[in-house]
ModelCIF file with pLDDT and N, C-alpha, C, O atoms, coordinates in Angstrom:
data_MODEL
#
_entry.id   MODEL 
#
_entity.id                         1 
_entity.type                       polymer 
_entity.pdbx_number_of_molecules   1 
#
_entity_poly.entity_id                      1 
_entity_poly.type                           'polypeptide(L)' 
_entity_poly.nstd_linkage                   no 
_entity_poly.nstd_monomer                   no 
_entity_poly.pdbx_seq_one_letter_code       KVVVTGRSMITNTKVARDLGYLNISDKNIVDAYDVDKLADDRIVVLCT 
_entity_poly.pdbx_seq_one_letter_code_can   KVVVTGRSMITNTKVARDLGYLNISDKNIVDAYDVDKLADDRIVVLCT 
_entity_poly.pdbx_strand_id                 A 
#
loop_
_entity_poly_seq.entity_id 
_entity_poly_seq.num 
_entity_poly_seq.mon_id 
_entity_poly_seq.hetero 
1 1  LYS n 
1 2  VAL n 
1 3  VAL n 
1 4  VAL n 
1 5  THR n 
1 6  GLY n 
1 7  ARG n 
1 8  SER n 
1 9  MET n 
1 10 ILE n 
1 11 THR n 
1 12 ASN n 
1 13 THR n 
1 14 LYS n 
1 15 VAL n 
1 16 ALA n 
1 17 ARG n 
1 18 ASP n 
1 19 LEU n 
1 20 GLY n 
1 21 TYR n 
1 22 LEU n 
1 23 ASN n 
1 24 ILE n 
1 25 SER n 
1 26 ASP n 
1 27 LYS n 
1 28 ASN n 
1 29 ILE n 
1 30 VAL n 
1 31 ASP n 
1 32 ALA n 
1 33 TYR n 
1 34 ASP n 
1 35 VAL n 
1 36 ASP n 
1 37 LYS n 
1 38 LEU n 
1 39 ALA n 
1 40 ASP n 
1 41 ASP n 
1 42 ARG n 
1 43 ILE n 
1 44 VAL n 
1 45 VAL n 
1 46 LEU n 
1 47 CYS n 
1 48 THR n 
#
_struct_asym.id          A 
_struct_asym.entity_id   1 
#
loop_
_ma_qa_metric.id 
_ma_qa_metric.mode 
_ma_qa_metric.name 
_ma_qa_metric.software_group_id 
_ma_qa_metric.type 
1 global pLDDT . pLDDT 
2 local  pLDDT . pLDDT 
#
_ma_qa_metric_global.metric_id      1 
_ma_qa_metric_global.metric_value   92.92 
_ma_qa_metric_global.model_id       1 
_ma_qa_metric_global.ordinal_id     1 
#
loop_
_ma_qa_metric_local.label_asym_id 
_ma_qa_metric_local.label_comp_id 
_ma_qa_metric_local.label_seq_id 
_ma_qa_metric_local.metric_id 
_ma_qa_metric_local.metric_value 
_ma_qa_metric_local.model_id 
_ma_qa_metric_local.ordinal_id 
A LYS 1  2 96.00 1 1  
A VAL 2  2 96.00 1 2  
A VAL 3  2 95.00 1 3  
A VAL 4  2 94.00 1 4  
A THR 5  2 92.00 1 5  
A GLY 6  2 89.00 1 6  
A ARG 7  2 88.00 1 7  
A SER 8  2 90.00 1 8  
A MET 9  2 93.00 1 9  
A ILE 10 2 92.00 1 10 
A THR 11 2 93.00 1 11 
A ASN 12 2 94.00 1 12 
A THR 13 2 95.00 1 13 
A LYS 14 2 94.00 1 14 
A VAL 15 2 95.00 1 15 
A ALA 16 2 96.00 1 16 
A ARG 17 2 96.00 1 17 
A ASP 18 2 95.00 1 18 
A LEU 19 2 95.00 1 19 
A GLY 20 2 95.00 1 20 
A TYR 21 2 95.00 1 21 
A LEU 22 2 95.00 1 22 
A ASN 23 2 95.00 1 23 
A ILE 24 2 95.00 1 24 
A SER 25 2 95.00 1 25 
A ASP 26 2 93.00 1 26 
A LYS 27 2 94.00 1 27 
A ASN 28 2 95.00 1 28 
A ILE 29 2 94.00 1 29 
A VAL 30 2 92.00 1 30 
A ASP 31 2 89.00 1 31 
A ALA 32 2 86.00 1 32 
A TYR 33 2 86.00 1 33 
A ASP 34 2 87.00 1 34 
A VAL 35 2 88.00 1 35 
A ASP 36 2 86.00 1 36 
A LYS 37 2 89.00 1 37 
A LEU 38 2 92.00 1 38 
A ALA 39 2 93.00 1 39 
A ASP 40 2 93.00 1 40 
A ASP 41 2 94.00 1 41 
A ARG 42 2 95.00 1 42 
A ILE 43 2 95.00 1 43 
A VAL 44 2 96.00 1 44 
A VAL 45 2 95.00 1 45 
A LEU 46 2 95.00 1 46 
A CYS 47 2 94.00 1 47 
A THR 48 2 91.00 1 48 
#
loop_
_atom_site.group_PDB 
_atom_site.id 
_atom_site.type_symbol 
_atom_site.label_atom_id 
_atom_site.label_alt_id 
_atom_site.label_comp_id 
_atom_site.label_asym_id 
_atom_site.label_entity_id 
_atom_site.label_seq_id 
_atom_site.pdbx_PDB_ins_code 
_atom_site.Cartn_x 
_atom_site.Cartn_y 
_atom_site.Cartn_z 
_atom_site.occupancy 
_atom_site.B_iso_or_equiv 
_atom_site.pdbx_formal_charge 
_atom_site.auth_seq_id 
_atom_site.auth_comp_id 
_atom_site.auth_asym_id 
_atom_site.auth_atom_id 
_atom_site.pdbx_PDB_model_num 
ATOM 1   N N  . LYS A 1 1  ? -0.802 -2.857  19.621 1.00 96.00 ? 1  LYS A N  1 
ATOM 2   C CA . LYS A 1 1  ? 0.561  -3.238  19.244 1.00 96.00 ? 1  LYS A CA 1 
ATOM 3   C C  . LYS A 1 1  ? 1.497  -2.062  19.527 1.00 96.00 ? 1  LYS A C  1 
ATOM 4   O O  . LYS A 1 1  ? 1.076  -0.906  19.536 1.00 96.00 ? 1  LYS A O  1 
ATOM 5   N N  . VAL A 1 2  ? 2.769  -2.379  19.755 1.00 96.00 ? 2  VAL A N  1 
ATOM 6   C CA . VAL A 1 2  ? 3.753  -1.344  20.095 1.00 96.00 ? 2  VAL A CA 1 
ATOM 7   C C  . VAL A 1 2  ? 4.702  -1.112  18.926 1.00 96.00 ? 2  VAL A C  1 
ATOM 8   O O  . VAL A 1 2  ? 5.266  -2.053  18.367 1.00 96.00 ? 2  VAL A O  1 
ATOM 9   N N  . VAL A 1 3  ? 4.865  0.157   18.570 1.00 95.00 ? 3  VAL A N  1 
ATOM 10  C CA . VAL A 1 3  ? 5.841  0.571   17.556 1.00 95.00 ? 3  VAL A CA 1 
ATOM 11  C C  . VAL A 1 3  ? 6.962  1.317   18.277 1.00 95.00 ? 3  VAL A C  1 
ATOM 12  O O  . VAL A 1 3  ? 6.692  2.149   19.143 1.00 95.00 ? 3  VAL A O  1 
ATOM 13  N N  . VAL A 1 4  ? 8.205  1.031   17.930 1.00 94.00 ? 4  VAL A N  1 
ATOM 14  C CA . VAL A 1 4  ? 9.350  1.705   18.553 1.00 94.00 ? 4  VAL A CA 1 
ATOM 15  C C  . VAL A 1 4  ? 10.039 2.567   17.500 1.00 94.00 ? 4  VAL A C  1 
ATOM 16  O O  . VAL A 1 4  ? 10.384 2.072   16.427 1.00 94.00 ? 4  VAL A O  1 
ATOM 17  N N  . THR A 1 5  ? 10.244 3.861   17.796 1.00 92.00 ? 5  THR A N  1 
ATOM 18  C CA . THR A 1 5  ? 10.930 4.730   16.849 1.00 92.00 ? 5  THR A CA 1 
ATOM 19  C C  . THR A 1 5  ? 11.853 5.701   17.589 1.00 92.00 ? 5  THR A C  1 
ATOM 20  O O  . THR A 1 5  ? 11.638 6.002   18.763 1.00 92.00 ? 5  THR A O  1 
ATOM 21  N N  . GLY A 1 6  ? 12.863 6.176   16.903 1.00 89.00 ? 6  GLY A N  1 
ATOM 22  C CA . GLY A 1 6  ? 13.919 6.984   17.527 1.00 89.00 ? 6  GLY A CA 1 
ATOM 23  C C  . GLY A 1 6  ? 15.143 6.101   17.715 1.00 89.00 ? 6  GLY A C  1 
ATOM 24  O O  . GLY A 1 6  ? 15.041 5.002   18.260 1.00 89.00 ? 6  GLY A O  1 
ATOM 25  N N  . ARG A 1 7  ? 16.317 6.583   17.260 1.00 88.00 ? 7  ARG A N  1 
ATOM 26  C CA . ARG A 1 7  ? 17.516 5.728   17.217 1.00 88.00 ? 7  ARG A CA 1 
ATOM 27  C C  . ARG A 1 7  ? 17.857 5.117   18.563 1.00 88.00 ? 7  ARG A C  1 
ATOM 28  O O  . ARG A 1 7  ? 18.054 3.906   18.657 1.00 88.00 ? 7  ARG A O  1 
ATOM 29  N N  . SER A 1 8  ? 17.932 5.945   19.621 1.00 90.00 ? 8  SER A N  1 
ATOM 30  C CA . SER A 1 8  ? 18.335 5.407   20.928 1.00 90.00 ? 8  SER A CA 1 
ATOM 31  C C  . SER A 1 8  ? 17.247 4.512   21.508 1.00 90.00 ? 8  SER A C  1 
ATOM 32  O O  . SER A 1 8  ? 17.547 3.554   22.222 1.00 90.00 ? 8  SER A O  1 
ATOM 33  N N  . MET A 1 9  ? 15.966 4.822   21.202 1.00 93.00 ? 9  MET A N  1 
ATOM 34  C CA . MET A 1 9  ? 14.872 3.983   21.694 1.00 93.00 ? 9  MET A CA 1 
ATOM 35  C C  . MET A 1 9  ? 14.946 2.597   21.060 1.00 93.00 ? 9  MET A C  1 
ATOM 36  O O  . MET A 1 9  ? 14.784 1.589   21.747 1.00 93.00 ? 9  MET A O  1 
ATOM 37  N N  . ILE A 1 10 ? 15.190 2.545   19.757 1.00 92.00 ? 10 ILE A N  1 
ATOM 38  C CA . ILE A 1 10 ? 15.308 1.250   19.061 1.00 92.00 ? 10 ILE A CA 1 
ATOM 39  C C  . ILE A 1 10 ? 16.490 0.461   19.619 1.00 92.00 ? 10 ILE A C  1 
ATOM 40  O O  . ILE A 1 10 ? 16.369 -0.733  19.893 1.00 92.00 ? 10 ILE A O  1 
ATOM 41  N N  . THR A 1 11 ? 17.633 1.130   19.786 1.00 93.00 ? 11 THR A N  1 
ATOM 42  C CA . THR A 1 11 ? 18.837 0.454   20.289 1.00 93.00 ? 11 THR A CA 1 
ATOM 43  C C  . THR A 1 11 ? 18.634 -0.080  21.702 1.00 93.00 ? 11 THR A C  1 
ATOM 44  O O  . THR A 1 11 ? 18.921 -1.245  21.976 1.00 93.00 ? 11 THR A O  1 
ATOM 45  N N  . ASN A 1 12 ? 18.139 0.769   22.595 1.00 94.00 ? 12 ASN A N  1 
ATOM 46  C CA . ASN A 1 12 ? 18.038 0.373   24.003 1.00 94.00 ? 12 ASN A CA 1 
ATOM 47  C C  . ASN A 1 12 ? 16.966 -0.680  24.242 1.00 94.00 ? 12 ASN A C  1 
ATOM 48  O O  . ASN A 1 12 ? 17.147 -1.580  25.062 1.00 94.00 ? 12 ASN A O  1 
ATOM 49  N N  . THR A 1 13 ? 15.843 -0.570  23.523 1.00 95.00 ? 13 THR A N  1 
ATOM 50  C CA . THR A 1 13 ? 14.816 -1.598  23.711 1.00 95.00 ? 13 THR A CA 1 
ATOM 51  C C  . THR A 1 13 ? 15.314 -2.943  23.194 1.00 95.00 ? 13 THR A C  1 
ATOM 52  O O  . THR A 1 13 ? 14.985 -3.987  23.759 1.00 95.00 ? 13 THR A O  1 
ATOM 53  N N  . LYS A 1 14 ? 16.100 -2.924  22.130 1.00 94.00 ? 14 LYS A N  1 
ATOM 54  C CA . LYS A 1 14 ? 16.651 -4.195  21.613 1.00 94.00 ? 14 LYS A CA 1 
ATOM 55  C C  . LYS A 1 14 ? 17.603 -4.826  22.625 1.00 94.00 ? 14 LYS A C  1 
ATOM 56  O O  . LYS A 1 14 ? 17.532 -6.024  22.897 1.00 94.00 ? 14 LYS A O  1 
ATOM 57  N N  . VAL A 1 15 ? 18.506 -3.995  23.185 1.00 95.00 ? 15 VAL A N  1 
ATOM 58  C CA . VAL A 1 15 ? 19.443 -4.501  24.194 1.00 95.00 ? 15 VAL A CA 1 
ATOM 59  C C  . VAL A 1 15 ? 18.684 -5.050  25.395 1.00 95.00 ? 15 VAL A C  1 
ATOM 60  O O  . VAL A 1 15 ? 18.981 -6.145  25.875 1.00 95.00 ? 15 VAL A O  1 
ATOM 61  N N  . ALA A 1 16 ? 17.696 -4.284  25.886 1.00 96.00 ? 16 ALA A N  1 
ATOM 62  C CA . ALA A 1 16 ? 16.942 -4.696  27.077 1.00 96.00 ? 16 ALA A CA 1 
ATOM 63  C C  . ALA A 1 16 ? 16.146 -5.971  26.821 1.00 96.00 ? 16 ALA A C  1 
ATOM 64  O O  . ALA A 1 16 ? 16.050 -6.824  27.703 1.00 96.00 ? 16 ALA A O  1 
ATOM 65  N N  . ARG A 1 17 ? 15.572 -6.113  25.617 1.00 96.00 ? 17 ARG A N  1 
ATOM 66  C CA . ARG A 1 17 ? 14.823 -7.338  25.300 1.00 96.00 ? 17 ARG A CA 1 
ATOM 67  C C  . ARG A 1 17 ? 15.773 -8.533  25.172 1.00 96.00 ? 17 ARG A C  1 
ATOM 68  O O  . ARG A 1 17 ? 15.488 -9.618  25.680 1.00 96.00 ? 17 ARG A O  1 
ATOM 69  N N  . ASP A 1 18 ? 16.890 -8.325  24.498 1.00 95.00 ? 18 ASP A N  1 
ATOM 70  C CA . ASP A 1 18 ? 17.856 -9.419  24.315 1.00 95.00 ? 18 ASP A CA 1 
ATOM 71  C C  . ASP A 1 18 ? 18.375 -9.937  25.651 1.00 95.00 ? 18 ASP A C  1 
ATOM 72  O O  . ASP A 1 18 ? 18.640 -11.130 25.797 1.00 95.00 ? 18 ASP A O  1 
ATOM 73  N N  . LEU A 1 19 ? 18.520 -9.030  26.635 1.00 95.00 ? 19 LEU A N  1 
ATOM 74  C CA . LEU A 1 19 ? 19.092 -9.411  27.929 1.00 95.00 ? 19 LEU A CA 1 
ATOM 75  C C  . LEU A 1 19 ? 18.024 -9.789  28.958 1.00 95.00 ? 19 LEU A C  1 
ATOM 76  O O  . LEU A 1 19 ? 18.350 -10.123 30.097 1.00 95.00 ? 19 LEU A O  1 
ATOM 77  N N  . GLY A 1 20 ? 16.753 -9.736  28.559 1.00 95.00 ? 20 GLY A N  1 
ATOM 78  C CA . GLY A 1 20 ? 15.683 -10.178 29.449 1.00 95.00 ? 20 GLY A CA 1 
ATOM 79  C C  . GLY A 1 20 ? 15.180 -9.130  30.427 1.00 95.00 ? 20 GLY A C  1 
ATOM 80  O O  . GLY A 1 20 ? 14.491 -9.472  31.388 1.00 95.00 ? 20 GLY A O  1 
ATOM 81  N N  . TYR A 1 21 ? 15.510 -7.849  30.204 1.00 95.00 ? 21 TYR A N  1 
ATOM 82  C CA . TYR A 1 21 ? 15.045 -6.785  31.103 1.00 95.00 ? 21 TYR A CA 1 
ATOM 83  C C  . TYR A 1 21 ? 13.740 -6.146  30.633 1.00 95.00 ? 21 TYR A C  1 
ATOM 84  O O  . TYR A 1 21 ? 13.044 -5.503  31.419 1.00 95.00 ? 21 TYR A O  1 
ATOM 85  N N  . LEU A 1 22 ? 13.407 -6.322  29.347 1.00 95.00 ? 22 LEU A N  1 
ATOM 86  C CA . LEU A 1 22 ? 12.160 -5.781  28.800 1.00 95.00 ? 22 LEU A CA 1 
ATOM 87  C C  . LEU A 1 22 ? 11.400 -6.933  28.159 1.00 95.00 ? 22 LEU A C  1 
ATOM 88  O O  . LEU A 1 22 ? 11.877 -7.557  27.211 1.00 95.00 ? 22 LEU A O  1 
ATOM 89  N N  . ASN A 1 23 ? 10.219 -7.205  28.683 1.00 95.00 ? 23 ASN A N  1 
ATOM 90  C CA . ASN A 1 23 ? 9.475  -8.385  28.241 1.00 95.00 ? 23 ASN A CA 1 
ATOM 91  C C  . ASN A 1 23 ? 8.247  -7.996  27.433 1.00 95.00 ? 23 ASN A C  1 
ATOM 92  O O  . ASN A 1 23 ? 7.274  -7.464  27.967 1.00 95.00 ? 23 ASN A O  1 
ATOM 93  N N  . ILE A 1 24 ? 8.312  -8.271  26.141 1.00 95.00 ? 24 ILE A N  1 
ATOM 94  C CA . ILE A 1 24 ? 7.167  -8.131  25.252 1.00 95.00 ? 24 ILE A CA 1 
ATOM 95  C C  . ILE A 1 24 ? 7.415  -9.070  24.070 1.00 95.00 ? 24 ILE A C  1 
ATOM 96  O O  . ILE A 1 24 ? 8.523  -9.114  23.535 1.00 95.00 ? 24 ILE A O  1 
ATOM 97  N N  . SER A 1 25 ? 6.413  -9.803  23.672 1.00 95.00 ? 25 SER A N  1 
ATOM 98  C CA . SER A 1 25 ? 6.611  -10.804 22.618 1.00 95.00 ? 25 SER A CA 1 
ATOM 99  C C  . SER A 1 25 ? 6.723  -10.142 21.250 1.00 95.00 ? 25 SER A C  1 
ATOM 100 O O  . SER A 1 25 ? 6.237  -9.030  21.044 1.00 95.00 ? 25 SER A O  1 
ATOM 101 N N  . ASP A 1 26 ? 7.372  -10.843 20.316 1.00 93.00 ? 26 ASP A N  1 
ATOM 102 C CA . ASP A 1 26 ? 7.565  -10.312 18.959 1.00 93.00 ? 26 ASP A CA 1 
ATOM 103 C C  . ASP A 1 26 ? 6.239  -9.983  18.286 1.00 93.00 ? 26 ASP A C  1 
ATOM 104 O O  . ASP A 1 26 ? 6.157  -9.029  17.512 1.00 93.00 ? 26 ASP A O  1 
ATOM 105 N N  . LYS A 1 27 ? 5.192  -10.770 18.576 1.00 94.00 ? 27 LYS A N  1 
ATOM 106 C CA . LYS A 1 27 ? 3.911  -10.556 17.890 1.00 94.00 ? 27 LYS A CA 1 
ATOM 107 C C  . LYS A 1 27 ? 3.258  -9.232  18.289 1.00 94.00 ? 27 LYS A C  1 
ATOM 108 O O  . LYS A 1 27 ? 2.378  -8.733  17.587 1.00 94.00 ? 27 LYS A O  1 
ATOM 109 N N  . ASN A 1 28 ? 3.696  -8.662  19.427 1.00 95.00 ? 28 ASN A N  1 
ATOM 110 C CA . ASN A 1 28 ? 3.124  -7.389  19.874 1.00 95.00 ? 28 ASN A CA 1 
ATOM 111 C C  . ASN A 1 28 ? 3.967  -6.176  19.498 1.00 95.00 ? 28 ASN A C  1 
ATOM 112 O O  . ASN A 1 28 ? 3.641  -5.050  19.875 1.00 95.00 ? 28 ASN A O  1 
ATOM 113 N N  . ILE A 1 29 ? 5.055  -6.402  18.754 1.00 94.00 ? 29 ILE A N  1 
ATOM 114 C CA . ILE A 1 29 ? 5.904  -5.306  18.265 1.00 94.00 ? 29 ILE A CA 1 
ATOM 115 C C  . ILE A 1 29 ? 5.686  -5.178  16.757 1.00 94.00 ? 29 ILE A C  1 
ATOM 116 O O  . ILE A 1 29 ? 5.721  -6.174  16.034 1.00 94.00 ? 29 ILE A O  1 
ATOM 117 N N  . VAL A 1 30 ? 5.464  -3.961  16.290 1.00 92.00 ? 30 VAL A N  1 
ATOM 118 C CA . VAL A 1 30 ? 5.203  -3.720  14.870 1.00 92.00 ? 30 VAL A CA 1 
ATOM 119 C C  . VAL A 1 30 ? 6.235  -2.726  14.337 1.00 92.00 ? 30 VAL A C  1 
ATOM 120 O O  . VAL A 1 30 ? 6.614  -1.786  15.035 1.00 92.00 ? 30 VAL A O  1 
ATOM 121 N N  . ASP A 1 31 ? 6.690  -2.935  13.095 1.00 89.00 ? 31 ASP A N  1 
ATOM 122 C CA . ASP A 1 31 ? 7.612  -2.004  12.458 1.00 89.00 ? 31 ASP A CA 1 
ATOM 123 C C  . ASP A 1 31 ? 6.882  -0.698  12.120 1.00 89.00 ? 31 ASP A C  1 
ATOM 124 O O  . ASP A 1 31 ? 5.701  -0.707  11.772 1.00 89.00 ? 31 ASP A O  1 
ATOM 125 N N  . ALA A 1 32 ? 7.594  0.411   12.228 1.00 86.00 ? 32 ALA A N  1 
ATOM 126 C CA . ALA A 1 32 ? 6.981  1.730   11.983 1.00 86.00 ? 32 ALA A CA 1 
ATOM 127 C C  . ALA A 1 32 ? 6.399  1.844   10.575 1.00 86.00 ? 32 ALA A C  1 
ATOM 128 O O  . ALA A 1 32 ? 5.439  2.584   10.360 1.00 86.00 ? 32 ALA A O  1 
ATOM 129 N N  . TYR A 1 33 ? 6.979  1.112   9.612  1.00 86.00 ? 33 TYR A N  1 
ATOM 130 C CA . TYR A 1 33 ? 6.477  1.190   8.234  1.00 86.00 ? 33 TYR A CA 1 
ATOM 131 C C  . TYR A 1 33 ? 5.195  0.381   8.023  1.00 86.00 ? 33 TYR A C  1 
ATOM 132 O O  . TYR A 1 33 ? 4.552  0.491   6.979  1.00 86.00 ? 33 TYR A O  1 
ATOM 133 N N  . ASP A 1 34 ? 4.820  -0.444  9.033  1.00 87.00 ? 34 ASP A N  1 
ATOM 134 C CA . ASP A 1 34 ? 3.627  -1.278  8.898  1.00 87.00 ? 34 ASP A CA 1 
ATOM 135 C C  . ASP A 1 34 ? 2.414  -0.736  9.657  1.00 87.00 ? 34 ASP A C  1 
ATOM 136 O O  . ASP A 1 34 ? 1.384  -1.405  9.733  1.00 87.00 ? 34 ASP A O  1 
ATOM 137 N N  . VAL A 1 35 ? 2.528  0.459   10.214 1.00 88.00 ? 35 VAL A N  1 
ATOM 138 C CA . VAL A 1 35 ? 1.432  0.977   11.054 1.00 88.00 ? 35 VAL A CA 1 
ATOM 139 C C  . VAL A 1 35 ? 0.142  1.189   10.262 1.00 88.00 ? 35 VAL A C  1 
ATOM 140 O O  . VAL A 1 35 ? -0.956 1.097   10.812 1.00 88.00 ? 35 VAL A O  1 
ATOM 141 N N  . ASP A 1 36 ? 0.284  1.470   8.977  1.00 86.00 ? 36 ASP A N  1 
ATOM 142 C CA . ASP A 1 36 ? -0.924 1.739   8.180  1.00 86.00 ? 36 ASP A CA 1 
ATOM 143 C C  . ASP A 1 36 ? -1.796 0.496   8.002  1.00 86.00 ? 36 ASP A C  1 
ATOM 144 O O  . ASP A 1 36 ? -2.957 0.589   7.604  1.00 86.00 ? 36 ASP A O  1 
ATOM 145 N N  . LYS A 1 37 ? -1.215 -0.668  8.305  1.00 89.00 ? 37 LYS A N  1 
ATOM 146 C CA . LYS A 1 37 ? -1.987 -1.905  8.184  1.00 89.00 ? 37 LYS A CA 1 
ATOM 147 C C  . LYS A 1 37 ? -2.905 -2.128  9.393  1.00 89.00 ? 37 LYS A C  1 
ATOM 148 O O  . LYS A 1 37 ? -3.768 -3.006  9.369  1.00 89.00 ? 37 LYS A O  1 
ATOM 149 N N  . LEU A 1 38 ? -2.714 -1.331  10.446 1.00 92.00 ? 38 LEU A N  1 
ATOM 150 C CA . LEU A 1 38 ? -3.489 -1.499  11.672 1.00 92.00 ? 38 LEU A CA 1 
ATOM 151 C C  . LEU A 1 38 ? -4.405 -0.296  11.896 1.00 92.00 ? 38 LEU A C  1 
ATOM 152 O O  . LEU A 1 38 ? -4.101 0.821   11.476 1.00 92.00 ? 38 LEU A O  1 
ATOM 153 N N  . ALA A 1 39 ? -5.531 -0.547  12.567 1.00 93.00 ? 39 ALA A N  1 
ATOM 154 C CA . ALA A 1 39 ? -6.421 0.551   12.935 1.00 93.00 ? 39 ALA A CA 1 
ATOM 155 C C  . ALA A 1 39 ? -5.724 1.468   13.936 1.00 93.00 ? 39 ALA A C  1 
ATOM 156 O O  . ALA A 1 39 ? -4.905 1.015   14.736 1.00 93.00 ? 39 ALA A O  1 
ATOM 157 N N  . ASP A 1 40 ? -6.056 2.765   13.886 1.00 93.00 ? 40 ASP A N  1 
ATOM 158 C CA . ASP A 1 40 ? -5.401 3.737   14.766 1.00 93.00 ? 40 ASP A CA 1 
ATOM 159 C C  . ASP A 1 40 ? -5.539 3.384   16.240 1.00 93.00 ? 40 ASP A C  1 
ATOM 160 O O  . ASP A 1 40 ? -4.616 3.604   17.024 1.00 93.00 ? 40 ASP A O  1 
ATOM 161 N N  . ASP A 1 41 ? -6.713 2.827   16.625 1.00 94.00 ? 41 ASP A N  1 
ATOM 162 C CA . ASP A 1 41 ? -6.922 2.522   18.043 1.00 94.00 ? 41 ASP A CA 1 
ATOM 163 C C  . ASP A 1 41 ? -6.300 1.194   18.451 1.00 94.00 ? 41 ASP A C  1 
ATOM 164 O O  . ASP A 1 41 ? -6.642 0.630   19.491 1.00 94.00 ? 41 ASP A O  1 
ATOM 165 N N  . ARG A 1 42 ? -5.381 0.699   17.622 1.00 95.00 ? 42 ARG A N  1 
ATOM 166 C CA . ARG A 1 42 ? -4.654 -0.535  17.948 1.00 95.00 ? 42 ARG A CA 1 
ATOM 167 C C  . ARG A 1 42 ? -3.143 -0.317  17.964 1.00 95.00 ? 42 ARG A C  1 
ATOM 168 O O  . ARG A 1 42 ? -2.364 -1.264  17.854 1.00 95.00 ? 42 ARG A O  1 
ATOM 169 N N  . ILE A 1 43 ? -2.735 0.977   18.106 1.00 95.00 ? 43 ILE A N  1 
ATOM 170 C CA . ILE A 1 43 ? -1.298 1.295   18.009 1.00 95.00 ? 43 ILE A CA 1 
ATOM 171 C C  . ILE A 1 43 ? -0.855 2.166   19.185 1.00 95.00 ? 43 ILE A C  1 
ATOM 172 O O  . ILE A 1 43 ? -1.539 3.118   19.561 1.00 95.00 ? 43 ILE A O  1 
ATOM 173 N N  . VAL A 1 44 ? 0.306  1.823   19.761 1.00 96.00 ? 44 VAL A N  1 
ATOM 174 C CA . VAL A 1 44 ? 1.013  2.692   20.706 1.00 96.00 ? 44 VAL A CA 1 
ATOM 175 C C  . VAL A 1 44 ? 2.443  2.865   20.187 1.00 96.00 ? 44 VAL A C  1 
ATOM 176 O O  . VAL A 1 44 ? 3.125  1.885   19.887 1.00 96.00 ? 44 VAL A O  1 
ATOM 177 N N  . VAL A 1 45 ? 2.885  4.106   20.087 1.00 95.00 ? 45 VAL A N  1 
ATOM 178 C CA . VAL A 1 45 ? 4.235  4.393   19.583 1.00 95.00 ? 45 VAL A CA 1 
ATOM 179 C C  . VAL A 1 45 ? 5.125  4.813   20.742 1.00 95.00 ? 45 VAL A C  1 
ATOM 180 O O  . VAL A 1 45 ? 4.832  5.795   21.424 1.00 95.00 ? 45 VAL A O  1 
ATOM 181 N N  . LEU A 1 46 ? 6.215  4.076   20.972 1.00 95.00 ? 46 LEU A N  1 
ATOM 182 C CA . LEU A 1 46 ? 7.236  4.453   21.954 1.00 95.00 ? 46 LEU A CA 1 
ATOM 183 C C  . LEU A 1 46 ? 8.287  5.279   21.228 1.00 95.00 ? 46 LEU A C  1 
ATOM 184 O O  . LEU A 1 46 ? 8.858  4.812   20.243 1.00 95.00 ? 46 LEU A O  1 
ATOM 185 N N  . CYS A 1 47 ? 8.555  6.494   21.690 1.00 94.00 ? 47 CYS A N  1 
ATOM 186 C CA . CYS A 1 47 ? 9.484  7.347   20.943 1.00 94.00 ? 47 CYS A CA 1 
ATOM 187 C C  . CYS A 1 47 ? 10.379 8.170   21.859 1.00 94.00 ? 47 CYS A C  1 
ATOM 188 O O  . CYS A 1 47 ? 10.099 8.336   23.047 1.00 94.00 ? 47 CYS A O  1 
ATOM 189 N N  . THR A 1 48 ? 11.449 8.675   21.287 1.00 91.00 ? 48 THR A N  1 
ATOM 190 C CA . THR A 1 48 ? 12.330 9.618   21.976 1.00 91.00 ? 48 THR A CA 1 
ATOM 191 C C  . THR A 1 48 ? 11.744 11.022  21.821 1.00 91.00 ? 48 THR A C  1 
ATOM 192 O O  . THR A 1 48 ? 12.318 11.989  22.322 1.00 91.00 ? 48 THR A O  1 
#
């Protein structure tokens, strides 16, 4: 699953997804506060 953190990263990925330039389904995006619910080898963090 992908976690997005960093102000500009969150903003730009949202804009790109809304406009169809970045394709990833909602089920594969996880909030940074929910990472502890997943095993470490099931997480990728996109950051600034």
